[in-house]
């Protein structure tokens, strides 16, 4: 090798070495940055599970009833849980429609809306402490009222004052309307001299205080009222009871991550069923929610009775209402039929 060739090779090596070391440092810097980004991602707070609570009594009271169960759910899953507590059925439905709720306790009519239009799925149904999967709707008066039964109530249109719940309430509006008023060609909003709309507990107090003559209610809310106001509850008389109405359900958002959804539903369905002291403690926490004994696995089809009930009510109202023409009435009846068929299809099991 001559001196010229040697010097040329040294120059080439001298140029290559800085490029080689620079590349090593660049790769090392990229690896450190990637590691830092991964660590930062791992440190990011988990998105809370948002639990929607149907108000029984006041919103704050409903929140307190569920508090211990939800605290245990958070601890068991190692995942934060927040509550979406509202003062009305409409408020909860709007929150679900805006995708602000991941899991919710709903009555039948709200659950139908959530499943057919708001991307939720039923996974459990409430079971009462006596084992029943249903509640009873009621019409309630004061014990000293001249209304002793439905005959007395219906004999005087335009005379009595009525307290009911929102249109989305099953026992507070739909069941009395579908079983008592609509079959007789009546509408409670026009049958009574005055109609007040409030929650079940407030409506019962209105009867006790003589502010209204009759109120709609149900057995869980009557039990809660007796617990809080025993002397006032003793002044009430039930003049009508409905057949058994399927209990409320728990629904979960379709878009919730599958592993978290399985953990969540497994926890709920097993709650209160453990043997020994653990099960006794869980059942005591369930009992804070009026007359709740546990949860049974269910699917969307459990809501079919509510779809049938709403269908029958809407048909009765359309048939007994005054219309500008027969064609307008027929168009309304046809729309009710289409909606019923659509909702029934939505409740069928979906293929995996």
Foldseek 3Di string as FASTA:
>chain_A
DDPVVVVVVVVVVVVVVVVVVVVVVVVVVVVVVVVVVVVVVVVDAADAAEEEEADQDAQVLRCVLCVVVQVVLCVVVVGHHHYDTDGALVVSLVCLQVVNHFKYWDFLLSVLCCLQPRQKKFWKAFAFQVRDQFWKKFKKAFPPAPDQALVVVQVQFQAFEEEFEDPSDCRRALQCLLPPALVVLHDVCRRYVYYHYHHQLVRLVCRLVVVGGMGMDIVLSLVVNCVVPVVSSVRMDTRDIDPTDGGITMIGHNPDDPVVVVSSSVCQQCFLVDDDPRNVVRQVSQVSRRRTRGIDTDILQVSLVVLVSVLSSQLSNLVSDDDPDPVVSVVSNVVSVVVSVSSNVSSDDDDD
